[in-house]
N, C-alpha and C. Protein backbone atom coordinates (compact mmCIF):
# COMPACT_ATOMS: atom_id res chain seq x y z
N MET A 1 239.22 -8.69 111.19
CA MET A 1 240.08 -9.36 110.24
C MET A 1 240.37 -10.80 110.69
N ILE A 2 240.65 -10.98 111.97
CA ILE A 2 240.96 -12.32 112.48
C ILE A 2 239.73 -13.22 112.36
N ARG A 3 238.55 -12.67 112.57
CA ARG A 3 237.32 -13.45 112.46
C ARG A 3 237.17 -13.99 111.03
N TYR A 4 237.43 -13.17 110.02
CA TYR A 4 237.30 -13.61 108.63
C TYR A 4 238.37 -14.64 108.27
N LEU A 5 239.56 -14.45 108.81
CA LEU A 5 240.64 -15.41 108.56
C LEU A 5 240.31 -16.77 109.16
N SER A 6 239.77 -16.80 110.39
CA SER A 6 239.42 -18.09 111.00
C SER A 6 238.25 -18.74 110.27
N LEU A 7 237.32 -17.96 109.73
CA LEU A 7 236.23 -18.52 108.94
C LEU A 7 236.78 -19.15 107.66
N LEU A 8 237.74 -18.50 107.02
CA LEU A 8 238.36 -19.03 105.82
C LEU A 8 239.11 -20.33 106.12
N VAL A 9 239.82 -20.38 107.22
CA VAL A 9 240.55 -21.59 107.60
C VAL A 9 239.57 -22.73 107.87
N LEU A 10 238.48 -22.47 108.57
CA LEU A 10 237.49 -23.51 108.83
C LEU A 10 236.83 -24.01 107.55
N ALA A 11 236.56 -23.13 106.62
CA ALA A 11 235.95 -23.53 105.35
C ALA A 11 236.91 -24.39 104.54
N ALA A 12 238.20 -24.14 104.63
CA ALA A 12 239.19 -24.90 103.87
C ALA A 12 239.40 -26.29 104.45
N CYS A 13 239.02 -26.53 105.69
CA CYS A 13 239.26 -27.83 106.32
C CYS A 13 238.52 -28.96 105.63
N SER A 14 237.33 -28.71 105.11
CA SER A 14 236.58 -29.79 104.48
C SER A 14 236.70 -29.77 102.96
N ALA A 15 237.51 -28.87 102.41
CA ALA A 15 237.70 -28.83 100.96
C ALA A 15 238.43 -30.09 100.51
N GLY A 16 238.09 -30.55 99.34
CA GLY A 16 238.74 -31.75 98.81
C GLY A 16 240.18 -31.49 98.44
N THR A 17 240.94 -32.56 98.33
CA THR A 17 242.31 -32.44 97.84
C THR A 17 242.25 -32.08 96.36
N PRO A 18 243.36 -31.69 95.74
CA PRO A 18 243.29 -31.20 94.35
C PRO A 18 242.57 -32.14 93.37
N TYR A 19 242.74 -33.45 93.46
CA TYR A 19 242.09 -34.37 92.54
C TYR A 19 240.57 -34.36 92.69
N PHE A 20 240.09 -34.11 93.90
CA PHE A 20 238.64 -34.16 94.20
C PHE A 20 238.01 -32.77 94.36
N ARG A 21 238.78 -31.72 94.20
CA ARG A 21 238.32 -30.37 94.56
C ARG A 21 237.02 -29.96 93.86
N ASP A 22 236.83 -30.26 92.60
CA ASP A 22 235.64 -29.82 91.87
C ASP A 22 234.45 -30.76 92.01
N VAL A 23 234.59 -31.82 92.79
CA VAL A 23 233.53 -32.81 92.96
C VAL A 23 232.69 -32.43 94.19
N PRO A 24 231.36 -32.37 94.07
CA PRO A 24 230.54 -32.04 95.24
C PRO A 24 230.63 -33.14 96.30
N ALA A 25 230.58 -32.74 97.55
CA ALA A 25 230.71 -33.67 98.67
C ALA A 25 229.35 -34.13 99.17
N SER A 26 229.32 -35.37 99.65
CA SER A 26 228.16 -35.91 100.36
C SER A 26 228.57 -36.07 101.81
N ARG A 27 227.84 -35.46 102.73
CA ARG A 27 228.17 -35.56 104.16
C ARG A 27 227.48 -36.78 104.74
N ILE A 28 228.23 -37.56 105.53
CA ILE A 28 227.71 -38.78 106.14
C ILE A 28 228.41 -39.01 107.47
N ALA A 29 227.67 -39.54 108.44
CA ALA A 29 228.24 -39.86 109.76
C ALA A 29 228.22 -41.36 109.95
N VAL A 30 229.34 -41.92 110.41
CA VAL A 30 229.46 -43.35 110.69
C VAL A 30 230.12 -43.51 112.05
N ASN A 31 229.40 -44.13 112.97
CA ASN A 31 229.92 -44.43 114.31
C ASN A 31 230.58 -43.23 114.99
N GLY A 32 229.97 -42.08 114.89
CA GLY A 32 230.47 -40.89 115.58
C GLY A 32 231.45 -40.05 114.78
N SER A 33 231.89 -40.49 113.63
CA SER A 33 232.77 -39.71 112.77
C SER A 33 231.96 -39.15 111.61
N VAL A 34 232.14 -37.87 111.31
CA VAL A 34 231.41 -37.21 110.22
C VAL A 34 232.40 -36.94 109.09
N PHE A 35 232.02 -37.36 107.87
CA PHE A 35 232.90 -37.24 106.71
C PHE A 35 232.21 -36.48 105.58
N ASP A 36 233.00 -35.73 104.82
CA ASP A 36 232.59 -35.24 103.51
C ASP A 36 233.22 -36.19 102.51
N VAL A 37 232.39 -36.90 101.74
CA VAL A 37 232.87 -37.93 100.82
C VAL A 37 232.69 -37.43 99.39
N ARG A 38 233.75 -37.58 98.60
CA ARG A 38 233.72 -37.25 97.17
C ARG A 38 234.16 -38.48 96.39
N VAL A 39 233.52 -38.73 95.25
CA VAL A 39 233.84 -39.89 94.42
C VAL A 39 234.19 -39.39 93.03
N ARG A 40 235.33 -39.86 92.53
CA ARG A 40 235.77 -39.50 91.17
C ARG A 40 236.50 -40.68 90.57
N GLY A 41 235.98 -41.18 89.46
CA GLY A 41 236.61 -42.32 88.79
C GLY A 41 236.57 -43.55 89.67
N GLU A 42 237.71 -44.18 89.86
CA GLU A 42 237.80 -45.39 90.67
C GLU A 42 238.25 -45.12 92.10
N LEU A 43 238.21 -43.84 92.51
CA LEU A 43 238.65 -43.45 93.85
C LEU A 43 237.56 -42.69 94.58
N ALA A 44 237.60 -42.77 95.90
CA ALA A 44 236.73 -41.98 96.76
C ALA A 44 237.60 -41.34 97.83
N GLU A 45 237.19 -40.16 98.28
CA GLU A 45 237.92 -39.45 99.32
C GLU A 45 236.97 -39.15 100.47
N ALA A 46 237.41 -39.41 101.69
CA ALA A 46 236.62 -39.07 102.88
C ALA A 46 237.44 -38.10 103.73
N VAL A 47 236.91 -36.89 103.91
CA VAL A 47 237.55 -35.88 104.75
C VAL A 47 236.76 -35.80 106.04
N ARG A 48 237.40 -36.12 107.16
CA ARG A 48 236.71 -36.09 108.46
C ARG A 48 236.55 -34.63 108.86
N VAL A 49 235.29 -34.22 109.16
CA VAL A 49 235.00 -32.81 109.42
C VAL A 49 234.65 -32.52 110.88
N ASN A 50 234.50 -33.54 111.71
CA ASN A 50 234.19 -33.27 113.12
C ASN A 50 235.45 -33.34 113.96
N THR A 51 235.41 -32.64 115.09
CA THR A 51 236.55 -32.72 116.01
C THR A 51 236.43 -34.03 116.78
N GLN A 52 237.53 -34.75 116.81
CA GLN A 52 237.51 -36.08 117.41
C GLN A 52 238.95 -36.48 117.70
N TYR A 53 239.18 -37.06 118.85
CA TYR A 53 240.52 -37.52 119.16
C TYR A 53 240.83 -38.76 118.33
N ALA A 54 241.74 -38.64 117.42
CA ALA A 54 242.11 -39.76 116.56
C ALA A 54 243.57 -39.59 116.15
N PRO A 55 244.49 -40.03 116.98
CA PRO A 55 245.91 -39.79 116.70
C PRO A 55 246.48 -40.61 115.55
N ARG A 56 245.77 -41.63 115.10
CA ARG A 56 246.28 -42.47 114.02
C ARG A 56 245.12 -42.96 113.17
N LEU A 57 245.44 -43.56 112.04
CA LEU A 57 244.42 -44.00 111.10
C LEU A 57 243.60 -45.17 111.61
N GLY A 58 244.17 -46.03 112.42
CA GLY A 58 243.52 -47.25 112.86
C GLY A 58 242.05 -47.14 113.23
N PRO A 59 241.68 -46.31 114.20
CA PRO A 59 240.27 -46.23 114.60
C PRO A 59 239.36 -45.61 113.54
N ILE A 60 239.91 -44.80 112.65
CA ILE A 60 239.11 -44.07 111.68
C ILE A 60 239.01 -44.82 110.34
N ARG A 61 239.96 -45.70 110.05
CA ARG A 61 240.06 -46.36 108.74
C ARG A 61 238.76 -47.06 108.33
N ASP A 62 238.22 -47.91 109.20
CA ASP A 62 237.00 -48.64 108.87
C ASP A 62 235.81 -47.71 108.71
N ARG A 63 235.72 -46.68 109.56
CA ARG A 63 234.61 -45.72 109.46
C ARG A 63 234.66 -44.97 108.12
N ALA A 64 235.85 -44.54 107.73
CA ALA A 64 236.00 -43.83 106.46
C ALA A 64 235.67 -44.77 105.30
N GLY A 65 236.10 -46.03 105.37
CA GLY A 65 235.78 -47.00 104.33
C GLY A 65 234.29 -47.24 104.21
N LEU A 66 233.60 -47.33 105.34
CA LEU A 66 232.15 -47.50 105.32
C LEU A 66 231.46 -46.28 104.74
N ALA A 67 231.93 -45.10 105.09
CA ALA A 67 231.34 -43.87 104.56
C ALA A 67 231.51 -43.82 103.04
N MET A 68 232.70 -44.15 102.55
CA MET A 68 232.95 -44.13 101.11
C MET A 68 232.11 -45.20 100.40
N ALA A 69 231.94 -46.37 101.03
CA ALA A 69 231.13 -47.44 100.43
C ALA A 69 229.66 -47.03 100.36
N LYS A 70 229.14 -46.39 101.41
CA LYS A 70 227.74 -45.96 101.42
C LYS A 70 227.48 -44.91 100.35
N VAL A 71 228.38 -43.95 100.20
CA VAL A 71 228.18 -42.88 99.23
C VAL A 71 228.37 -43.38 97.80
N SER A 72 229.39 -44.20 97.57
CA SER A 72 229.69 -44.65 96.20
C SER A 72 228.81 -45.80 95.74
N GLY A 73 228.32 -46.60 96.69
CA GLY A 73 227.57 -47.80 96.33
C GLY A 73 228.46 -48.95 95.93
N CYS A 74 229.76 -48.83 96.17
CA CYS A 74 230.74 -49.85 95.80
C CYS A 74 231.47 -50.34 97.05
N PRO A 75 231.92 -51.61 97.04
CA PRO A 75 232.81 -52.03 98.12
C PRO A 75 234.15 -51.29 97.98
N ILE A 76 234.83 -51.12 99.09
CA ILE A 76 236.12 -50.42 99.09
C ILE A 76 237.22 -51.46 99.23
N LEU A 77 238.17 -51.44 98.29
CA LEU A 77 239.24 -52.43 98.29
C LEU A 77 240.36 -52.08 99.25
N ASP A 78 240.66 -50.79 99.39
CA ASP A 78 241.75 -50.38 100.27
C ASP A 78 241.51 -48.94 100.69
N VAL A 79 241.99 -48.58 101.88
CA VAL A 79 241.88 -47.21 102.40
C VAL A 79 243.27 -46.76 102.80
N LEU A 80 243.69 -45.62 102.28
CA LEU A 80 245.00 -45.05 102.59
C LEU A 80 244.81 -43.62 103.07
N GLY A 81 245.75 -43.13 103.84
CA GLY A 81 245.69 -41.74 104.27
C GLY A 81 246.03 -41.60 105.73
N ASP A 82 245.39 -40.62 106.38
CA ASP A 82 245.59 -40.42 107.81
C ASP A 82 244.23 -40.23 108.47
N ALA A 83 244.22 -39.83 109.72
CA ALA A 83 242.96 -39.74 110.46
C ALA A 83 242.08 -38.58 109.99
N ALA A 84 242.60 -37.68 109.17
CA ALA A 84 241.81 -36.54 108.69
C ALA A 84 241.33 -36.73 107.26
N VAL A 85 242.19 -37.22 106.37
CA VAL A 85 241.85 -37.38 104.95
C VAL A 85 242.24 -38.78 104.51
N THR A 86 241.27 -39.53 103.99
CA THR A 86 241.55 -40.88 103.49
C THR A 86 241.07 -40.99 102.05
N VAL A 87 241.72 -41.89 101.31
CA VAL A 87 241.34 -42.19 99.93
C VAL A 87 241.08 -43.68 99.85
N GLY A 88 239.96 -44.04 99.24
CA GLY A 88 239.60 -45.45 99.08
C GLY A 88 239.57 -45.83 97.61
N VAL A 89 239.97 -47.08 97.34
CA VAL A 89 239.92 -47.62 95.99
C VAL A 89 238.59 -48.36 95.85
N LEU A 90 237.78 -47.94 94.87
CA LEU A 90 236.47 -48.55 94.67
C LEU A 90 236.60 -49.95 94.08
N GLY A 91 235.74 -50.86 94.55
CA GLY A 91 235.77 -52.24 94.08
C GLY A 91 234.74 -52.52 93.00
N CYS A 92 234.17 -51.49 92.38
CA CYS A 92 233.24 -51.71 91.28
C CYS A 92 233.36 -50.57 90.28
N ASP A 93 232.85 -50.81 89.10
CA ASP A 93 232.87 -49.81 88.04
C ASP A 93 231.53 -49.08 88.06
N ARG A 94 231.50 -47.89 88.60
CA ARG A 94 230.26 -47.13 88.74
C ARG A 94 229.65 -46.80 87.39
N GLU A 95 230.48 -46.59 86.37
CA GLU A 95 229.97 -46.24 85.05
C GLU A 95 229.35 -47.43 84.33
N ALA A 96 229.66 -48.64 84.77
CA ALA A 96 229.09 -49.85 84.16
C ALA A 96 227.97 -50.41 85.04
N GLY A 97 227.30 -49.54 85.77
CA GLY A 97 226.17 -49.97 86.59
C GLY A 97 226.56 -50.72 87.84
N GLY A 98 227.74 -50.45 88.40
CA GLY A 98 228.17 -51.09 89.64
C GLY A 98 228.74 -52.48 89.47
N ARG A 99 229.16 -52.82 88.25
CA ARG A 99 229.76 -54.14 88.01
C ARG A 99 231.02 -54.29 88.85
N LEU A 100 231.12 -55.41 89.56
CA LEU A 100 232.25 -55.67 90.44
C LEU A 100 233.53 -55.81 89.63
N LEU A 101 234.58 -55.09 90.04
CA LEU A 101 235.87 -55.18 89.35
C LEU A 101 236.68 -56.36 89.85
N LEU A 102 236.72 -56.52 91.14
CA LEU A 102 237.50 -57.59 91.77
C LEU A 102 236.62 -58.33 92.76
N THR A 103 236.87 -59.60 92.96
CA THR A 103 236.05 -60.36 93.90
C THR A 103 236.60 -60.32 95.32
N ALA A 104 237.89 -60.11 95.48
CA ALA A 104 238.49 -60.09 96.81
C ALA A 104 238.42 -58.67 97.37
N VAL A 105 237.59 -58.48 98.38
CA VAL A 105 237.44 -57.18 99.01
C VAL A 105 238.11 -57.25 100.37
N SER A 106 239.03 -56.32 100.65
CA SER A 106 239.82 -56.40 101.87
C SER A 106 239.12 -55.84 103.09
N THR A 107 238.05 -55.07 102.92
CA THR A 107 237.37 -54.52 104.08
C THR A 107 236.40 -55.55 104.66
N PRO A 108 236.28 -55.63 105.97
CA PRO A 108 235.37 -56.60 106.58
C PRO A 108 233.91 -56.24 106.30
N ASN A 109 233.04 -57.22 106.46
CA ASN A 109 231.61 -56.99 106.25
C ASN A 109 231.00 -56.34 107.49
N TYR A 110 230.17 -55.34 107.26
CA TYR A 110 229.52 -54.62 108.34
C TYR A 110 228.02 -54.59 108.10
N GLU A 111 227.28 -54.54 109.20
CA GLU A 111 225.85 -54.31 109.13
C GLU A 111 225.61 -52.92 109.68
N CYS A 112 224.93 -52.07 108.91
CA CYS A 112 224.74 -50.67 109.31
C CYS A 112 223.26 -50.37 109.52
N VAL A 113 222.98 -49.58 110.55
CA VAL A 113 221.63 -49.12 110.84
C VAL A 113 221.60 -47.63 110.53
N ASP A 114 220.63 -47.21 109.72
CA ASP A 114 220.46 -45.81 109.36
C ASP A 114 219.60 -45.15 110.42
N TYR A 115 220.15 -44.14 111.11
CA TYR A 115 219.41 -43.44 112.16
C TYR A 115 218.65 -42.23 111.65
N GLY A 116 218.57 -42.06 110.35
CA GLY A 116 217.80 -40.95 109.79
C GLY A 116 218.66 -39.76 109.43
N ILE A 117 218.01 -38.65 109.21
CA ILE A 117 218.68 -37.41 108.82
C ILE A 117 218.79 -36.50 110.04
N TYR A 118 219.99 -36.03 110.32
CA TYR A 118 220.22 -35.09 111.40
C TYR A 118 220.52 -33.74 110.80
N GLU A 119 220.08 -32.70 111.44
CA GLU A 119 220.32 -31.35 110.93
C GLU A 119 221.75 -30.93 111.19
N ASN A 120 222.35 -30.32 110.18
CA ASN A 120 223.66 -29.71 110.32
C ASN A 120 223.41 -28.25 110.67
N ILE A 121 223.78 -27.84 111.85
CA ILE A 121 223.45 -26.50 112.34
C ILE A 121 224.06 -25.42 111.46
N GLY A 122 225.23 -25.68 110.86
CA GLY A 122 225.93 -24.65 110.08
C GLY A 122 225.15 -24.13 108.89
N ASN A 123 224.56 -25.01 108.09
CA ASN A 123 223.88 -24.52 106.88
C ASN A 123 222.48 -25.08 106.70
N GLY A 124 221.97 -25.82 107.66
CA GLY A 124 220.60 -26.30 107.60
C GLY A 124 220.40 -27.56 106.78
N ASN A 125 221.43 -28.07 106.14
CA ASN A 125 221.31 -29.31 105.37
C ASN A 125 221.47 -30.52 106.28
N GLY A 126 220.73 -31.57 105.98
CA GLY A 126 220.85 -32.79 106.77
C GLY A 126 221.81 -33.77 106.13
N TYR A 127 222.24 -34.76 106.89
CA TYR A 127 223.10 -35.81 106.35
C TYR A 127 222.78 -37.12 107.06
N PRO A 128 222.96 -38.26 106.36
CA PRO A 128 222.61 -39.55 106.97
C PRO A 128 223.58 -39.94 108.07
N VAL A 129 223.05 -40.61 109.10
CA VAL A 129 223.85 -41.06 110.24
C VAL A 129 223.69 -42.56 110.34
N PHE A 130 224.82 -43.28 110.35
CA PHE A 130 224.81 -44.73 110.44
C PHE A 130 225.56 -45.20 111.68
N GLU A 131 225.11 -46.31 112.24
CA GLU A 131 225.82 -47.03 113.31
C GLU A 131 226.12 -48.40 112.72
N CYS A 132 227.39 -48.75 112.61
CA CYS A 132 227.78 -49.98 111.91
C CYS A 132 228.56 -50.91 112.85
N THR A 133 228.27 -52.20 112.74
CA THR A 133 228.99 -53.21 113.52
C THR A 133 229.42 -54.33 112.58
N PRO A 134 230.60 -54.92 112.82
CA PRO A 134 231.05 -56.03 111.97
C PRO A 134 230.21 -57.28 112.22
N TYR A 135 230.09 -58.12 111.19
CA TYR A 135 229.41 -59.41 111.35
C TYR A 135 230.22 -60.50 110.73
């Protein structure tokens, strides 16, 4: 019984918040942090799924913003949340072919290197891994 309960708790850790719950997630790794990213409307959500020491949002904020930008294809205007779950405001209209909504983007510019697809041992699906540095 305890084994099934712990499996249920682990499965719930990467579930989206109520607004994003029915949206399929894209798994992506940025600078050692692994996120399940969901995009709905003008918002994106990044749920950090790996164990990592991160007592505050500071070290994780930029990584989550980059993950949401890579998955959505839009610049991220702002990132709010905590070290486990963040929400980003998209800087473009995805339904209008990525037309930029605002010109002032608050996130710094980064150059990212794609390290390929790594296998996720849990279910056999791969996800992209990026190493990003500011420029």
